[in-house]
Amino acid sequence: MEKQYKITSAEGLHARPCTLLVSAVTPFASDVQISYNERSVNLKSIMGVMALGIPSGATITISAEGADAEAALEKAATVITSEGIGIEA
């Protein structure tokens, strides 16, 4: 399962939104990945997500695989939209 988002936050995916996303998906058992520019990292790793250097206007893909994949994607979607990080692409 996967969903795409356009980052609308003026600062892009900097420390605060990265922390919010990592914290949101960490409780889930599923493998959750974030992809940008043909690179993919574990969304449960703050350093991995920060290393992607995702700017404002970028399109990212969040994918999940596992027993609670749908719930993990829904939680990530809620954080992205409610915190003003981005919109569904």
PDB file of N, CA and C in Angstrom:
ATOM      1  N   MET A   1       0.843  -1.175   0.000  1.00  0.00           N
ATOM      2  CA  MET A   1       0.000   0.000   0.000  1.00  0.00           C
ATOM      3  C   MET A   1       0.885   1.234   0.000  1.00  0.00           C
ATOM      4  N   GLU A   2       0.444   2.249  -0.743  1.00  0.00           N
ATOM      5  CA  GLU A   2       1.214   3.492  -0.743  1.00  0.00           C
ATOM      6  C   GLU A   2       0.330   4.682  -1.081  1.00  0.00           C
ATOM      7  N   LYS A   3       0.794   5.857  -0.673  1.00  0.00           N
ATOM      8  CA  LYS A   3       0.118   7.117  -0.978  1.00  0.00           C
ATOM      9  C   LYS A   3       1.179   8.155  -1.295  1.00  0.00           C
ATOM     10  N   GLN A   4       0.798   9.106  -2.153  1.00  0.00           N
ATOM     11  CA  GLN A   4       1.717  10.185  -2.508  1.00  0.00           C
ATOM     12  C   GLN A   4       1.211  11.498  -1.925  1.00  0.00           C
ATOM     13  N   TYR A   5       2.168  12.358  -1.568  1.00  0.00           N
ATOM     14  CA  TYR A   5       1.871  13.663  -0.990  1.00  0.00           C
ATOM     15  C   TYR A   5       2.769  14.711  -1.604  1.00  0.00           C
ATOM     16  N   LYS A   6       2.237  15.927  -1.703  1.00  0.00           N
ATOM     17  CA  LYS A   6       3.049  17.073  -2.109  1.00  0.00           C
ATOM     18  C   LYS A   6       3.350  17.863  -0.846  1.00  0.00           C
ATOM     19  N   ILE A   7       4.614  18.140  -0.603  1.00  0.00           N
ATOM     20  CA  ILE A   7       5.021  18.885   0.591  1.00  0.00           C
ATOM     21  C   ILE A   7       4.705  20.370   0.376  1.00  0.00           C
ATOM     22  N   THR A   8       3.884  20.918   1.255  1.00  0.00           N
ATOM     23  CA  THR A   8       3.462  22.317   1.137  1.00  0.00           C
ATOM     24  C   THR A   8       4.099  23.214   2.192  1.00  0.00           C
ATOM     25  N   SER A   9       4.686  22.622   3.215  1.00  0.00           N
ATOM     26  CA  SER A   9       5.356  23.402   4.256  1.00  0.00           C
ATOM     27  C   SER A   9       6.495  24.191   3.616  1.00  0.00           C
ATOM     28  N   ALA A  10       6.576  25.490   3.917  1.00  0.00           N
ATOM     29  CA  ALA A  10       7.583  26.362   3.308  1.00  0.00           C
ATOM     30  C   ALA A  10       9.011  25.873   3.560  1.00  0.00           C
ATOM     31  N   GLU A  11       9.242  25.240   4.699  1.00  0.00           N
ATOM     32  CA  GLU A  11      10.582  24.772   5.048  1.00  0.00           C
ATOM     33  C   GLU A  11      10.862  23.356   4.553  1.00  0.00           C
ATOM     34  N   GLY A  12       9.879  22.725   3.929  1.00  0.00           N
ATOM     35  CA  GLY A  12      10.057  21.341   3.504  1.00  0.00           C
ATOM     36  C   GLY A  12       9.951  20.411   4.698  1.00  0.00           C
ATOM     37  N   LEU A  13      10.526  19.242   4.578  1.00  0.00           N
ATOM     38  CA  LEU A  13      10.471  18.251   5.655  1.00  0.00           C
ATOM     39  C   LEU A  13      11.702  18.422   6.544  1.00  0.00           C
ATOM     40  N   HIS A  14      11.666  19.417   7.413  1.00  0.00           N
ATOM     41  CA  HIS A  14      12.775  19.681   8.331  1.00  0.00           C
ATOM     42  C   HIS A  14      12.556  18.911   9.634  1.00  0.00           C
ATOM     43  N   ALA A  15      13.311  19.205  10.662  1.00  0.00           N
ATOM     44  CA  ALA A  15      13.333  18.415  11.898  1.00  0.00           C
ATOM     45  C   ALA A  15      11.959  18.224  12.545  1.00  0.00           C
ATOM     46  N   ARG A  16      11.187  19.289  12.720  1.00  0.00           N
ATOM     47  CA  ARG A  16       9.903  19.164  13.421  1.00  0.00           C
ATOM     48  C   ARG A  16       8.937  18.237  12.695  1.00  0.00           C
ATOM     49  N   PRO A  17       8.635  18.457  11.400  1.00  0.00           N
ATOM     50  CA  PRO A  17       7.705  17.534  10.742  1.00  0.00           C
ATOM     51  C   PRO A  17       8.253  16.113  10.616  1.00  0.00           C
ATOM     52  N   CYS A  18       9.548  15.969  10.479  1.00  0.00           N
ATOM     53  CA  CYS A  18      10.138  14.632  10.443  1.00  0.00           C
ATOM     54  C   CYS A  18       9.890  13.908  11.761  1.00  0.00           C
ATOM     55  N   THR A  19      10.089  14.615  12.855  1.00  0.00           N
ATOM     56  CA  THR A  19       9.868  14.034  14.175  1.00  0.00           C
ATOM     57  C   THR A  19       8.412  13.632  14.365  1.00  0.00           C
ATOM     58  N   LEU A  20       7.492  14.479  13.914  1.00  0.00           N
ATOM     59  CA  LEU A  20       6.066  14.164  14.021  1.00  0.00           C
ATOM     60  C   LEU A  20       5.722  12.896  13.239  1.00  0.00           C
ATOM     61  N   LEU A  21       6.241  12.784  12.027  1.00  0.00           N
ATOM     62  CA  LEU A  21       5.964  11.607  11.202  1.00  0.00           C
ATOM     63  C   LEU A  21       6.573  10.338  11.789  1.00  0.00           C
ATOM     64  N   VAL A  22       7.823  10.417  12.204  1.00  0.00           N
ATOM     65  CA  VAL A  22       8.497   9.256  12.785  1.00  0.00           C
ATOM     66  C   VAL A  22       7.749   8.799  14.034  1.00  0.00           C
ATOM     67  N   SER A  23       7.381   9.727  14.897  1.00  0.00           N
ATOM     68  CA  SER A  23       6.654   9.394  16.126  1.00  0.00           C
ATOM     69  C   SER A  23       5.296   8.769  15.828  1.00  0.00           C
ATOM     70  N   ALA A  24       4.653   9.221  14.759  1.00  0.00           N
ATOM     71  CA  ALA A  24       3.322   8.726  14.410  1.00  0.00           C
ATOM     72  C   ALA A  24       3.345   7.277  13.937  1.00  0.00           C
ATOM     73  N   VAL A  25       4.363   6.890  13.183  1.00  0.00           N
ATOM     74  CA  VAL A  25       4.374   5.536  12.608  1.00  0.00           C
ATOM     75  C   VAL A  25       5.184   4.515  13.407  1.00  0.00           C
ATOM     76  N   THR A  26       6.014   4.970  14.338  1.00  0.00           N
ATOM     77  CA  THR A  26       6.847   4.046  15.113  1.00  0.00           C
ATOM     78  C   THR A  26       6.053   2.971  15.857  1.00  0.00           C
ATOM     79  N   PRO A  27       4.879   3.270  16.428  1.00  0.00           N
ATOM     80  CA  PRO A  27       4.144   2.222  17.151  1.00  0.00           C
ATOM     81  C   PRO A  27       3.629   1.076  16.276  1.00  0.00           C
ATOM     82  N   PHE A  28       3.582   1.257  14.972  1.00  0.00           N
ATOM     83  CA  PHE A  28       3.038   0.231  14.100  1.00  0.00           C
ATOM     84  C   PHE A  28       4.059  -0.863  13.804  1.00  0.00           C
ATOM     85  N   ALA A  29       3.579  -2.091  13.666  1.00  0.00           N
ATOM     86  CA  ALA A  29       4.450  -3.228  13.383  1.00  0.00           C
ATOM     87  C   ALA A  29       4.905  -3.250  11.923  1.00  0.00           C
ATOM     88  N   SER A  30       4.120  -2.669  11.047  1.00  0.00           N
ATOM     89  CA  SER A  30       4.424  -2.693   9.614  1.00  0.00           C
ATOM     90  C   SER A  30       5.719  -1.968   9.278  1.00  0.00           C
ATOM     91  N   ASP A  31       6.306  -2.381   8.158  1.00  0.00           N
ATOM     92  CA  ASP A  31       7.471  -1.698   7.607  1.00  0.00           C
ATOM     93  C   ASP A  31       6.936  -0.473   6.862  1.00  0.00           C
ATOM     94  N   VAL A  32       7.345   0.728   7.269  1.00  0.00           N
ATOM     95  CA  VAL A  32       6.864   1.955   6.651  1.00  0.00           C
ATOM     96  C   VAL A  32       8.060   2.679   6.025  1.00  0.00           C
ATOM     97  N   GLN A  33       7.936   3.006   4.748  1.00  0.00           N
ATOM     98  CA  GLN A  33       9.024   3.637   4.002  1.00  0.00           C
ATOM     99  C   GLN A  33       8.571   4.992   3.460  1.00  0.00           C
ATOM    100  N   ILE A  34       9.518   5.911   3.322  1.00  0.00           N
ATOM    101  CA  ILE A  34       9.267   7.183   2.661  1.00  0.00           C
ATOM    102  C   ILE A  34      10.237   7.270   1.490  1.00  0.00           C
ATOM    103  N   SER A  35       9.718   7.657   0.328  1.00  0.00           N
ATOM    104  CA  SER A  35      10.543   7.721  -0.879  1.00  0.00           C
ATOM    105  C   SER A  35      10.500   9.120  -1.482  1.00  0.00           C
ATOM    106  N   TYR A  36      11.670   9.551  -1.962  1.00  0.00           N
ATOM    107  CA  TYR A  36      11.820  10.840  -2.626  1.00  0.00           C
ATOM    108  C   TYR A  36      13.032  10.753  -3.543  1.00  0.00           C
ATOM    109  N   ASN A  37      12.892  11.230  -4.756  1.00  0.00           N
ATOM    110  CA  ASN A  37      14.012  11.237  -5.724  1.00  0.00           C
ATOM    111  C   ASN A  37      14.647   9.858  -5.893  1.00  0.00           C
ATOM    112  N   GLU A  38      13.810   8.853  -6.033  1.00  0.00           N
ATOM    113  CA  GLU A  38      14.257   7.475  -6.257  1.00  0.00           C
ATOM    114  C   GLU A  38      15.060   6.889  -5.092  1.00  0.00           C
ATOM    115  N   ARG A  39      14.986   7.524  -3.921  1.00  0.00           N
ATOM    116  CA  ARG A  39      15.613   6.997  -2.704  1.00  0.00           C
ATOM    117  C   ARG A  39      14.519   6.687  -1.697  1.00  0.00           C
ATOM    118  N   SER A  40      14.677   5.598  -0.988  1.00  0.00           N
ATOM    119  CA  SER A  40      13.679   5.181  -0.015  1.00  0.00           C
ATOM    120  C   SER A  40      14.367   4.857   1.307  1.00  0.00           C
ATOM    121  N   VAL A  41      13.760   5.328   2.408  1.00  0.00           N
ATOM    122  CA  VAL A  41      14.306   5.047   3.743  1.00  0.00           C
ATOM    123  C   VAL A  41      13.171   4.655   4.694  1.00  0.00           C
ATOM    124  N   ASN A  42      13.551   4.043   5.793  1.00  0.00           N
ATOM    125  CA  ASN A  42      12.610   3.655   6.828  1.00  0.00           C
ATOM    126  C   ASN A  42      12.039   4.921   7.473  1.00  0.00           C
ATOM    127  N   LEU A  43      10.721   5.058   7.471  1.00  0.00           N
ATOM    128  CA  LEU A  43      10.081   6.249   8.054  1.00  0.00           C
ATOM    129  C   LEU A  43      10.169   6.253   9.578  1.00  0.00           C
ATOM    130  N   LYS A  44      10.629   5.164  10.162  1.00  0.00           N
ATOM    131  CA  LYS A  44      10.807   5.114  11.610  1.00  0.00           C
ATOM    132  C   LYS A  44      12.194   5.600  12.029  1.00  0.00           C
ATOM    133  N   SER A  45      12.995   6.051  11.060  1.00  0.00           N
ATOM    134  CA  SER A  45      14.353   6.525  11.327  1.00  0.00           C
ATOM    135  C   SER A  45      14.449   8.024  11.048  1.00  0.00           C
ATOM    136  N   ILE A  46      14.529   8.835  12.094  1.00  0.00           N
ATOM    137  CA  ILE A  46      14.602  10.290  11.932  1.00  0.00           C
ATOM    138  C   ILE A  46      15.821  10.688  11.096  1.00  0.00           C
ATOM    139  N   MET A  47      16.940  10.051  11.319  1.00  0.00           N
ATOM    140  CA  MET A  47      18.149  10.394  10.563  1.00  0.00           C
ATOM    141  C   MET A  47      18.000  10.037   9.088  1.00  0.00           C
ATOM    142  N   GLY A  48      17.366   8.907   8.818  1.00  0.00           N
ATOM    143  CA  GLY A  48      17.145   8.499   7.435  1.00  0.00           C
ATOM    144  C   GLY A  48      16.252   9.480   6.698  1.00  0.00           C
ATOM    145  N   VAL A  49      15.175   9.884   7.346  1.00  0.00           N
ATOM    146  CA  VAL A  49      14.224  10.822   6.727  1.00  0.00           C
ATOM    147  C   VAL A  49      14.893  12.174   6.505  1.00  0.00           C
ATOM    148  N   MET A  50      15.625  12.656   7.500  1.00  0.00           N
ATOM    149  CA  MET A  50      16.316  13.949   7.371  1.00  0.00           C
ATOM    150  C   MET A  50      17.338  13.916   6.230  1.00  0.00           C
ATOM    151  N   ALA A  51      17.984  12.768   6.046  1.00  0.00           N
ATOM    152  CA  ALA A  51      19.020  12.639   5.019  1.00  0.00           C
ATOM    153  C   ALA A  51      18.463  12.784   3.598  1.00  0.00           C
ATOM    154  N   LEU A  52      17.157  12.582   3.436  1.00  0.00           N
ATOM    155  CA  LEU A  52      16.563  12.720   2.105  1.00  0.00           C
ATOM    156  C   LEU A  52      16.526  14.176   1.642  1.00  0.00           C
ATOM    157  N   GLY A  53      16.549  15.129   2.585  1.00  0.00           N
ATOM    158  CA  GLY A  53      16.557  16.549   2.230  1.00  0.00           C
ATOM    159  C   GLY A  53      15.354  16.961   1.401  1.00  0.00           C
ATOM    160  N   ILE A  54      14.167  16.657   1.866  1.00  0.00           N
ATOM    161  CA  ILE A  54      12.940  16.889   1.097  1.00  0.00           C
ATOM    162  C   ILE A  54      12.516  18.356   1.188  1.00  0.00           C
ATOM    163  N   PRO A  55      12.533  19.074   0.055  1.00  0.00           N
ATOM    164  CA  PRO A  55      12.177  20.501   0.046  1.00  0.00           C
ATOM    165  C   PRO A  55      10.681  20.738  -0.140  1.00  0.00           C
ATOM    166  N   SER A  56      10.261  21.964   0.056  1.00  0.00           N
ATOM    167  CA  SER A  56       8.878  22.353  -0.219  1.00  0.00           C
ATOM    168  C   SER A  56       8.610  22.134  -1.702  1.00  0.00           C
ATOM    169  N   GLY A  57       7.409  21.668  -2.024  1.00  0.00           N
ATOM    170  CA  GLY A  57       7.033  21.416  -3.408  1.00  0.00           C
ATOM    171  C   GLY A  57       7.359  20.015  -3.891  1.00  0.00           C
ATOM    172  N   ALA A  58       8.111  19.254  -3.101  1.00  0.00           N
ATOM    173  CA  ALA A  58       8.493  17.888  -3.481  1.00  0.00           C
ATOM    174  C   ALA A  58       7.300  16.946  -3.383  1.00  0.00           C
ATOM    175  N   THR A  59       7.317  15.901  -4.184  1.00  0.00           N
ATOM    176  CA  THR A  59       6.320  14.845  -4.086  1.00  0.00           C
ATOM    177  C   THR A  59       7.005  13.641  -3.453  1.00  0.00           C
ATOM    178  N   ILE A  60       6.397  13.147  -2.380  1.00  0.00           N
ATOM    179  CA  ILE A  60       6.940  11.990  -1.676  1.00  0.00           C
ATOM    180  C   ILE A  60       5.943  10.842  -1.762  1.00  0.00           C
ATOM    181  N   THR A  61       6.435   9.646  -1.541  1.00  0.00           N
ATOM    182  CA  THR A  61       5.587   8.463  -1.467  1.00  0.00           C
ATOM    183  C   THR A  61       5.819   7.799  -0.125  1.00  0.00           C
ATOM    184  N   ILE A  62       4.728   7.490   0.562  1.00  0.00           N
ATOM    185  CA  ILE A  62       4.815   6.742   1.812  1.00  0.00           C
ATOM    186  C   ILE A  62       4.170   5.392   1.559  1.00  0.00           C
ATOM    187  N   SER A  63       4.917   4.343   1.845  1.00  0.00           N
ATOM    188  CA  SER A  63       4.404   2.996   1.626  1.00  0.00           C
ATOM    189  C   SER A  63       4.512   2.196   2.916  1.00  0.00           C
ATOM    190  N   ALA A  64       3.619   1.225   3.053  1.00  0.00           N
ATOM    191  CA  ALA A  64       3.623   0.378   4.242  1.00  0.00           C
ATOM    192  C   ALA A  64       3.293  -1.050   3.844  1.00  0.00           C
ATOM    193  N   GLU A  65       3.935  -1.973   4.539  1.00  0.00           N
ATOM    194  CA  GLU A  65       3.732  -3.384   4.283  1.00  0.00           C
ATOM    195  C   GLU A  65       3.701  -4.115   5.612  1.00  0.00           C
ATOM    196  N   GLY A  66       2.621  -4.852   5.852  1.00  0.00           N
ATOM    197  CA  GLY A  66       2.501  -5.594   7.101  1.00  0.00           C
ATOM    198  C   GLY A  66       1.063  -5.649   7.569  1.00  0.00           C
ATOM    199  N   ALA A  67       0.872  -6.237   8.738  1.00  0.00           N
ATOM    200  CA  ALA A  67      -0.467  -6.476   9.273  1.00  0.00           C
ATOM    201  C   ALA A  67      -1.273  -5.200   9.496  1.00  0.00           C
ATOM    202  N   ASP A  68      -0.615  -4.130   9.937  1.00  0.00           N
ATOM    203  CA  ASP A  68      -1.329  -2.884  10.220  1.00  0.00           C
ATOM    204  C   ASP A  68      -0.934  -1.767   9.238  1.00  0.00           C
ATOM    205  N   ALA A  69      -0.609  -2.157   8.016  1.00  0.00           N
ATOM    206  CA  ALA A  69      -0.151  -1.200   7.002  1.00  0.00           C
ATOM    207  C   ALA A  69      -1.174  -0.107   6.732  1.00  0.00           C
ATOM    208  N   GLU A  70      -2.436  -0.486   6.618  1.00  0.00           N
ATOM    209  CA  GLU A  70      -3.468   0.511   6.327  1.00  0.00           C
ATOM    210  C   GLU A  70      -3.581   1.543   7.444  1.00  0.00           C
ATOM    211  N   ALA A  71      -3.544   1.089   8.674  1.00  0.00           N
ATOM    212  CA  ALA A  71      -3.623   1.998   9.826  1.00  0.00           C
ATOM    213  C   ALA A  71      -2.393   2.909   9.884  1.00  0.00           C
ATOM    214  N   ALA A  72      -1.226   2.368   9.564  1.00  0.00           N
ATOM    215  CA  ALA A  72       0.009   3.169   9.576  1.00  0.00           C
ATOM    216  C   ALA A  72      -0.070   4.276   8.523  1.00  0.00           C
ATOM    217  N   LEU A  73      -0.560   3.937   7.335  1.00  0.00           N
ATOM    218  CA  LEU A  73      -0.699   4.946   6.272  1.00  0.00           C
ATOM    219  C   LEU A  73      -1.722   6.011   6.651  1.00  0.00           C
ATOM    220  N   GLU A  74      -2.819   5.585   7.277  1.00  0.00           N
ATOM    221  CA  GLU A  74      -3.839   6.551   7.702  1.00  0.00           C
ATOM    222  C   GLU A  74      -3.276   7.510   8.748  1.00  0.00           C
ATOM    223  N   LYS A  75      -2.481   6.994   9.676  1.00  0.00           N
ATOM    224  CA  LYS A  75      -1.885   7.840  10.715  1.00  0.00           C
ATOM    225  C   LYS A  75      -0.917   8.845  10.090  1.00  0.00           C
ATOM    226  N   ALA A  76      -0.089   8.389   9.153  1.00  0.00           N
ATOM    227  CA  ALA A  76       0.838   9.289   8.464  1.00  0.00           C
ATOM    228  C   ALA A  76       0.064  10.362   7.702  1.00  0.00           C
ATOM    229  N   ALA A  77      -1.018   9.978   7.047  1.00  0.00           N
ATOM    230  CA  ALA A  77      -1.838  10.929   6.290  1.00  0.00           C
ATOM    231  C   ALA A  77      -2.430  11.990   7.208  1.00  0.00           C
ATOM    232  N   THR A  78      -2.900  11.561   8.367  1.00  0.00           N
ATOM    233  CA  THR A  78      -3.480  12.496   9.336  1.00  0.00           C
ATOM    234  C   THR A  78      -2.449  13.521   9.781  1.00  0.00           C
ATOM    235  N   VAL A  79      -1.244  13.060  10.093  1.00  0.00           N
ATOM    236  CA  VAL A  79      -0.185  13.964  10.547  1.00  0.00           C
ATOM    237  C   VAL A  79       0.192  14.939   9.421  1.00  0.00           C
ATOM    238  N   ILE A  80       0.370  14.434   8.220  1.00  0.00           N
ATOM    239  CA  ILE A  80       0.782  15.275   7.096  1.00  0.00           C
ATOM    240  C   ILE A  80      -0.237  16.380   6.828  1.00  0.00           C
ATOM    241  N   THR A  81      -1.518  16.041   6.821  1.00  0.00           N
ATOM    242  CA  THR A  81      -2.534  17.045   6.506  1.00  0.00           C
ATOM    243  C   THR A  81      -2.861  17.949   7.695  1.00  0.00           C
ATOM    244  N   SER A  82      -2.991  17.381   8.896  1.00  0.00           N
ATOM    245  CA  SER A  82      -3.388  18.204  10.046  1.00  0.00           C
ATOM    246  C   SER A  82      -2.285  19.145  10.524  1.00  0.00           C
ATOM    247  N   GLU A  83      -1.032  18.781  10.292  1.00  0.00           N
ATOM    248  CA  GLU A  83       0.094  19.615  10.726  1.00  0.00           C
ATOM    249  C   GLU A  83       0.567  20.584   9.642  1.00  0.00           C
ATOM    250  N   GLY A  84      -0.116  20.615   8.507  1.00  0.00           N
ATOM    251  CA  GLY A  84       0.245  21.533   7.436  1.00  0.00           C
ATOM    252  C   GLY A  84       1.541  21.182   6.731  1.00  0.00           C
ATOM    253  N   ILE A  85       1.904  19.901   6.779  1.00  0.00           N
ATOM    254  CA  ILE A  85       3.140  19.450   6.134  1.00  0.00           C
ATOM    255  C   ILE A  85       2.945  19.297   4.624  1.00  0.00           C
ATOM    256  N   GLY A  86       1.787  18.779   4.246  1.00  0.00           N
ATOM    257  CA  GLY A  86       1.545  18.565   2.824  1.00  0.00           C
ATOM    258  C   GLY A  86       0.091  18.194   2.539  1.00  0.00           C
ATOM    259  N   ILE A  87      -0.147  17.897   1.261  1.00  0.00           N
ATOM    260  CA  ILE A  87      -1.469  17.501   0.809  1.00  0.00           C
ATOM    261  C   ILE A  87      -1.348  16.231  -0.017  1.00  0.00           C
ATOM    262  N   GLU A  88      -2.452  15.488  -0.104  1.00  0.00           N
ATOM    263  CA  GLU A  88      -2.423  14.280  -0.908  1.00  0.00           C
ATOM    264  C   GLU A  88      -2.237  14.660  -2.372  1.00  0.00           C
ATOM    265  N   ALA A  89      -1.334  13.966  -3.048  1.00  0.00           N
ATOM    266  CA  ALA A  89      -1.019  14.288  -4.450  1.00  0.00           C
ATOM    267  C   ALA A  89      -1.936  13.529  -5.388  1.00  0.00           C
TER     268      ALA A  89
END
